[in-house]
C-alpha atoms as a PDB file:
ATOM      1  CA  MET A   1      -9.383  16.122   4.313  1.00  0.00           C
ATOM      2  CA  ARG A   2      -7.348  13.931   1.956  1.00  0.00           C
ATOM      3  CA  ARG A   3      -8.300  10.267   1.700  1.00  0.00           C
ATOM      4  CA  LEU A   4      -5.648   7.607   1.191  1.00  0.00           C
ATOM      5  CA  VAL A   5      -6.709   4.060   0.365  1.00  0.00           C
ATOM      6  CA  ILE A   6      -4.594   1.296   1.863  1.00  0.00           C
ATOM      7  CA  GLY A   7      -4.998  -2.207   0.440  1.00  0.00           C
ATOM      8  CA  VAL A   8      -3.316  -5.039   2.344  1.00  0.00           C
ATOM      9  CA  THR A   9      -2.758  -8.357   0.582  1.00  0.00           C
ATOM     10  CA  GLY A  10      -1.225 -11.658   1.642  1.00  0.00           C
ATOM     11  CA  ALA A  11       2.362 -11.039   0.580  1.00  0.00           C
ATOM     12  CA  THR A  12       5.034 -10.915   3.240  1.00  0.00           C
ATOM     13  CA  GLY A  13       5.683  -7.463   4.669  1.00  0.00           C
ATOM     14  CA  ALA A  14       2.593  -6.800   6.779  1.00  0.00           C
ATOM     15  CA  ILE A  15       4.730  -4.579   8.995  1.00  0.00           C
ATOM     16  CA  TYR A  16       4.813  -1.964   6.213  1.00  0.00           C
ATOM     17  CA  ALA A  17       1.018  -1.726   6.211  1.00  0.00           C
ATOM     18  CA  VAL A  18       0.758  -1.484   9.983  1.00  0.00           C
ATOM     19  CA  ARG A  19       3.512   1.131  10.204  1.00  0.00           C
ATOM     20  CA  MET A  20       1.881   3.145   7.424  1.00  0.00           C
ATOM     21  CA  LEU A  21      -1.459   3.133   9.246  1.00  0.00           C
ATOM     22  CA  GLN A  22       0.281   4.104  12.499  1.00  0.00           C
ATOM     23  CA  ALA A  23       2.122   6.946  10.763  1.00  0.00           C
ATOM     24  CA  LEU A  24      -1.074   8.251   9.177  1.00  0.00           C
ATOM     25  CA  ARG A  25      -2.728   8.465  12.626  1.00  0.00           C
ATOM     26  CA  GLY A  26      -0.407  11.406  13.273  1.00  0.00           C
ATOM     27  CA  VAL A  27      -1.341  13.303  10.095  1.00  0.00           C
ATOM     28  CA  ALA A  28      -4.321  15.513  10.836  1.00  0.00           C
ATOM     29  CA  ASP A  29      -5.482  16.151   7.268  1.00  0.00           C
ATOM     30  CA  VAL A  30      -5.301  12.560   5.991  1.00  0.00           C
ATOM     31  CA  GLU A  31      -8.027   9.955   6.402  1.00  0.00           C
ATOM     32  CA  SER A  32      -7.028   6.299   5.920  1.00  0.00           C
ATOM     33  CA  HIS A  33      -9.422   3.935   4.122  1.00  0.00           C
ATOM     34  CA  LEU A  34      -8.439   0.305   4.693  1.00  0.00           C
ATOM     35  CA  VAL A  35      -9.208  -2.939   2.859  1.00  0.00           C
ATOM     36  CA  VAL A  36      -7.512  -6.182   3.947  1.00  0.00           C
ATOM     37  CA  SER A  37      -7.726  -9.398   1.940  1.00  0.00           C
ATOM     38  CA  PRO A  38      -8.295 -12.716   3.758  1.00  0.00           C
ATOM     39  CA  PRO A  39      -4.673 -13.775   3.074  1.00  0.00           C
ATOM     40  CA  GLY A  40      -3.624 -10.331   4.341  1.00  0.00           C
ATOM     41  CA  VAL A  41      -5.387 -11.037   7.643  1.00  0.00           C
ATOM     42  CA  LEU A  42      -3.595 -14.394   7.889  1.00  0.00           C
ATOM     43  CA  ASN A  43      -0.232 -12.818   7.158  1.00  0.00           C
ATOM     44  CA  ILE A  44      -0.740 -10.036   9.715  1.00  0.00           C
ATOM     45  CA  LYS A  45      -1.512 -12.684  12.327  1.00  0.00           C
ATOM     46  CA  TYR A  46       1.474 -14.837  11.336  1.00  0.00           C
ATOM     47  CA  GLU A  47       4.073 -12.063  10.951  1.00  0.00           C
ATOM     48  CA  LEU A  48       2.956  -9.616  13.637  1.00  0.00           C
ATOM     49  CA  GLY A  49       0.710 -11.560  16.016  1.00  0.00           C
ATOM     50  CA  MET A  50      -2.073  -9.031  15.459  1.00  0.00           C
ATOM     51  CA  ASP A  51      -5.709  -9.825  14.764  1.00  0.00           C
ATOM     52  CA  ARG A  52      -8.078  -8.175  12.308  1.00  0.00           C
ATOM     53  CA  GLN A  53      -9.633  -5.866  14.933  1.00  0.00           C
ATOM     54  CA  GLN A  54      -6.243  -4.526  16.026  1.00  0.00           C
ATOM     55  CA  VAL A  55      -5.363  -3.565  12.461  1.00  0.00           C
ATOM     56  CA  HIS A  56      -8.829  -2.181  11.727  1.00  0.00           C
ATOM     57  CA  ALA A  57      -8.510   0.050  14.807  1.00  0.00           C
ATOM     58  CA  LEU A  58      -5.550   1.812  13.161  1.00  0.00           C
ATOM     59  CA  ALA A  59      -7.626   3.010  10.188  1.00  0.00           C
ATOM     60  CA  ASP A  60     -10.168   5.796   9.963  1.00  0.00           C
ATOM     61  CA  LYS A  61     -12.506   3.760   7.730  1.00  0.00           C
ATOM     62  CA  VAL A  62     -12.564   0.017   7.041  1.00  0.00           C
ATOM     63  CA  TYR A  63     -14.219  -1.828   4.167  1.00  0.00           C
ATOM     64  CA  SER A  64     -14.949  -5.471   3.477  1.00  0.00           C
ATOM     65  CA  PHE A  65     -12.686  -7.092   0.901  1.00  0.00           C
ATOM     66  CA  ARG A  66     -15.731  -8.479  -0.893  1.00  0.00           C
ATOM     67  CA  ASP A  67     -17.752  -5.233  -0.952  1.00  0.00           C
ATOM     68  CA  VAL A  68     -17.245  -4.180  -4.587  1.00  0.00           C
ATOM     69  CA  GLY A  69     -20.170  -1.787  -4.114  1.00  0.00           C
ATOM     70  CA  ALA A  70     -18.348   0.258  -1.454  1.00  0.00           C
ATOM     71  CA  ALA A  71     -17.541   3.938  -1.947  1.00  0.00           C
ATOM     72  CA  LEU A  72     -13.954   3.044  -2.911  1.00  0.00           C
ATOM     73  CA  ALA A  73     -15.293   1.248  -5.997  1.00  0.00           C
ATOM     74  CA  SER A  74     -16.444   4.532  -7.554  1.00  0.00           C
ATOM     75  CA  GLY A  75     -14.401   7.190  -9.276  1.00  0.00           C
ATOM     76  CA  GLY A  76     -16.785   9.717  -7.729  1.00  0.00           C
ATOM     77  CA  PHE A  77     -15.236   8.966  -4.343  1.00  0.00           C
ATOM     78  CA  ALA A  78     -12.298  11.376  -4.380  1.00  0.00           C
ATOM     79  CA  THR A  79      -9.024  10.099  -2.956  1.00  0.00           C
ATOM     80  CA  ALA A  80      -5.393  11.183  -2.996  1.00  0.00           C
ATOM     81  CA  GLY A  81      -4.641   7.715  -4.310  1.00  0.00           C
ATOM     82  CA  MET A  82      -3.952   4.206  -3.132  1.00  0.00           C
ATOM     83  CA  VAL A  83      -1.124   2.118  -1.728  1.00  0.00           C
ATOM     84  CA  VAL A  84      -1.191  -1.671  -1.956  1.00  0.00           C
ATOM     85  CA  VAL A  85       1.096  -2.706   0.888  1.00  0.00           C
ATOM     86  CA  PRO A  86       2.297  -5.375   0.755  1.00  0.00           C
ATOM     87  CA  CYS A  87       1.259  -6.262  -2.783  1.00  0.00           C
ATOM     88  CA  SER A  88       1.050  -9.917  -3.717  1.00  0.00           C
ATOM     89  CA  MET A  89       1.868 -11.046  -7.229  1.00  0.00           C
ATOM     90  CA  ARG A  90      -1.756 -12.220  -7.531  1.00  0.00           C
ATOM     91  CA  THR A  91      -2.993  -8.684  -6.835  1.00  0.00           C
ATOM     92  CA  LEU A  92      -0.402  -7.197  -9.192  1.00  0.00           C
ATOM     93  CA  ALA A  93      -1.545  -9.578 -11.951  1.00  0.00           C
ATOM     94  CA  ALA A  94      -5.216  -8.776 -11.334  1.00  0.00           C
ATOM     95  CA  VAL A  95      -4.567  -5.024 -11.568  1.00  0.00           C
ATOM     96  CA  ALA A  96      -2.327  -5.431 -14.626  1.00  0.00           C
ATOM     97  CA  HIS A  97      -5.110  -7.298 -16.430  1.00  0.00           C
ATOM     98  CA  GLY A  98      -8.116  -5.340 -15.160  1.00  0.00           C
ATOM     99  CA  PHE A  99      -9.613  -8.071 -12.979  1.00  0.00           C
ATOM    100  CA  SER A 100     -11.669  -6.085 -10.481  1.00  0.00           C
ATOM    101  CA  ASP A 101     -12.983  -9.104  -8.598  1.00  0.00           C
ATOM    102  CA  ASN A 102     -12.601  -7.717  -5.065  1.00  0.00           C
ATOM    103  CA  LEU A 103     -12.467  -4.298  -3.444  1.00  0.00           C
ATOM    104  CA  ILE A 104      -8.666  -4.017  -3.485  1.00  0.00           C
ATOM    105  CA  THR A 105      -8.370  -4.708  -7.203  1.00  0.00           C
ATOM    106  CA  ARG A 106     -11.473  -2.634  -7.980  1.00  0.00           C
ATOM    107  CA  ALA A 107     -10.168   0.341  -5.970  1.00  0.00           C
ATOM    108  CA  ALA A 108      -6.795   0.033  -7.742  1.00  0.00           C
ATOM    109  CA  ASP A 109      -8.569  -0.037 -11.105  1.00  0.00           C
ATOM    110  CA  VAL A 110     -10.575   3.060 -10.158  1.00  0.00           C
ATOM    111  CA  THR A 111      -7.394   4.795  -8.996  1.00  0.00           C
ATOM    112  CA  LEU A 112      -5.778   4.173 -12.375  1.00  0.00           C
ATOM    113  CA  LYS A 113      -8.812   5.134 -14.449  1.00  0.00           C
ATOM    114  CA  GLU A 114      -9.199   8.388 -12.524  1.00  0.00           C
ATOM    115  CA  ARG A 115      -5.470   9.108 -13.065  1.00  0.00           C
ATOM    116  CA  ARG A 116      -4.755   9.128  -9.336  1.00  0.00           C
ATOM    117  CA  ARG A 117      -1.531   7.850  -7.825  1.00  0.00           C
ATOM    118  CA  LEU A 118      -1.343   4.082  -7.314  1.00  0.00           C
ATOM    119  CA  VAL A 119       1.699   2.701  -5.488  1.00  0.00           C
ATOM    120  CA  MET A 120       2.127  -1.060  -5.384  1.00  0.00           C
ATOM    121  CA  MET A 121       4.684  -2.301  -2.849  1.00  0.00           C
ATOM    122  CA  VAL A 122       5.323  -5.649  -4.526  1.00  0.00           C
ATOM    123  CA  ARG A 123       6.787  -8.433  -2.415  1.00  0.00           C
ATOM    124  CA  GLU A 124       8.178 -11.422  -4.242  1.00  0.00           C
ATOM    125  CA  THR A 125      11.699 -12.261  -5.297  1.00  0.00           C
ATOM    126  CA  PRO A 126      13.195 -13.264  -7.516  1.00  0.00           C
ATOM    127  CA  PHE A 127      10.893 -11.912 -10.197  1.00  0.00           C
ATOM    128  CA  ASN A 128       9.861 -14.163 -13.042  1.00  0.00           C
ATOM    129  CA  LEU A 129       8.930 -12.879 -16.482  1.00  0.00           C
ATOM    130  CA  ALA A 130       5.202 -12.742 -15.675  1.00  0.00           C
ATOM    131  CA  HIS A 131       5.940 -10.569 -12.613  1.00  0.00           C
ATOM    132  CA  LEU A 132       8.110  -8.215 -14.666  1.00  0.00           C
ATOM    133  CA  ARG A 133       5.548  -7.939 -17.451  1.00  0.00           C
ATOM    134  CA  ASN A 134       2.773  -7.233 -14.956  1.00  0.00           C
ATOM    135  CA  MET A 135       4.901  -4.540 -13.301  1.00  0.00           C
ATOM    136  CA  THR A 136       5.579  -3.027 -16.728  1.00  0.00           C
ATOM    137  CA  SER A 137       1.871  -3.099 -17.552  1.00  0.00           C
ATOM    138  CA  VAL A 138       0.881  -1.346 -14.323  1.00  0.00           C
ATOM    139  CA  THR A 139       3.660   1.212 -14.845  1.00  0.00           C
ATOM    140  CA  GLU A 140       2.452   1.891 -18.395  1.00  0.00           C
ATOM    141  CA  MET A 141      -1.035   2.510 -16.955  1.00  0.00           C
ATOM    142  CA  GLY A 142       0.381   5.122 -14.590  1.00  0.00           C
ATOM    143  CA  GLY A 143       0.979   3.037 -11.470  1.00  0.00           C
ATOM    144  CA  ILE A 144       4.182   3.080  -9.466  1.00  0.00           C
ATOM    145  CA  ILE A 145       5.950  -0.147  -8.561  1.00  0.00           C
ATOM    146  CA  PHE A 146       7.746   0.339  -5.249  1.00  0.00           C
ATOM    147  CA  PRO A 147       9.346  -2.809  -3.839  1.00  0.00           C
ATOM    148  CA  PRO A 148      10.070  -2.055  -0.169  1.00  0.00           C
ATOM    149  CA  LEU A 149      13.843  -2.249  -0.452  1.00  0.00           C
ATOM    150  CA  PRO A 150      15.752  -0.837   2.510  1.00  0.00           C
ATOM    151  CA  ALA A 151      18.064   2.150   2.177  1.00  0.00           C
ATOM    152  CA  PHE A 152      21.267   2.272   4.162  1.00  0.00           C
ATOM    153  CA  TYR A 153      22.519   5.836   3.608  1.00  0.00           C
ATOM    154  CA  HIS A 154      20.821   6.959   6.832  1.00  0.00           C
ATOM    155  CA  HIS A 155      22.671   4.218   8.779  1.00  0.00           C
ATOM    156  CA  PRO A 156      19.637   2.423  10.240  1.00  0.00           C
ATOM    157  CA  LYS A 157      20.290   0.625  13.506  1.00  0.00           C
ATOM    158  CA  THR A 158      17.068  -1.389  13.660  1.00  0.00           C
ATOM    159  CA  LEU A 159      14.529  -3.088  11.443  1.00  0.00           C
ATOM    160  CA  ASP A 160      11.992  -0.479  12.604  1.00  0.00           C
ATOM    161  CA  GLU A 161      14.182   2.323  11.255  1.00  0.00           C
ATOM    162  CA  MET A 162      14.395   0.595   7.865  1.00  0.00           C
ATOM    163  CA  VAL A 163      10.623   0.057   7.731  1.00  0.00           C
ATOM    164  CA  ASP A 164       9.896   3.619   8.853  1.00  0.00           C
ATOM    165  CA  HIS A 165      12.175   5.047   6.159  1.00  0.00           C
ATOM    166  CA  THR A 166      10.428   3.065   3.422  1.00  0.00           C
ATOM    167  CA  VAL A 167       6.991   4.073   4.708  1.00  0.00           C
ATOM    168  CA  ALA A 168       8.056   7.730   4.792  1.00  0.00           C
ATOM    169  CA  ARG A 169       9.319   7.509   1.194  1.00  0.00           C
ATOM    170  CA  VAL A 170       6.029   6.041  -0.026  1.00  0.00           C
ATOM    171  CA  LEU A 171       3.940   8.629   1.804  1.00  0.00           C
ATOM    172  CA  GLU A 172       6.063  11.416   0.305  1.00  0.00           C
ATOM    173  CA  MET A 173       4.705  10.311  -3.076  1.00  0.00           C
ATOM    174  CA  PHE A 174       1.317  11.576  -1.847  1.00  0.00           C
ATOM    175  CA  ASP A 175       2.771  14.797  -0.389  1.00  0.00           C
ATOM    176  CA  ILE A 176       2.355  13.358   3.095  1.00  0.00           C
ATOM    177  CA  ASN A 177       5.428  14.134   5.134  1.00  0.00           C
ATOM    178  CA  ILE A 178       6.176  12.320   8.343  1.00  0.00           C
ATOM    179  CA  PRO A 179       9.303  12.579  10.487  1.00  0.00           C
ATOM    180  CA  GLY A 180      12.204  10.477   9.389  1.00  0.00           C
ATOM    181  CA  PRO A 181      15.588  10.575   7.722  1.00  0.00           C
ATOM    182  CA  HIS A 182      15.786  12.252   4.335  1.00  0.00           C
ATOM    183  CA  TRP A 183      18.656  12.314   1.889  1.00  0.00           C
ATOM    184  CA  THR A 184      20.307  15.718   1.990  1.00  0.00           C
ATOM    185  CA  GLY A 185      23.392  14.873  -0.019  1.00  0.00           C
ATOM    186  CA  MET A 186      26.796  13.683   1.025  1.00  0.00           C
ATOM    187  CA  ALA A 187      28.492  15.702   3.743  1.00  0.00           C
END
């Protein structure tokens, strides 16, 4: 069983987190481990009309944001990696500077130190210089910055199709393949 950590912060784009959790429910050999920040809970409610319990029900395991003593806080807890979706600039800055003051930032720090894959779906535009430097810092540490920008080559008809494509692309980075359009070259 592969474990994938999902950290949800207060940036806009809660739909990406929910769709990722929904997609992982259909993958038999992947266990989702979820941490949602208090602003993440607020944003899920505001953007999607969902409450904390509805989102928690989508995950295999759920941890308290403040529980820095949880299993996810240890490198001995083997995971396939971590996705921070959506990733606020506050969380990006904390990871870039090693501030492990909550379970999301601690789990991200552990992911980097153990040389596991960390994907941060940053949500803020336009970027200022601090944002760019923090993204560079995380990239230099081995993390992947993946702003959830839509692709149009598969001719999406709905917002759901655009979100699903982005989620599928991120999960592919962990060798988790879900149904969806894939680039096969120009016909």
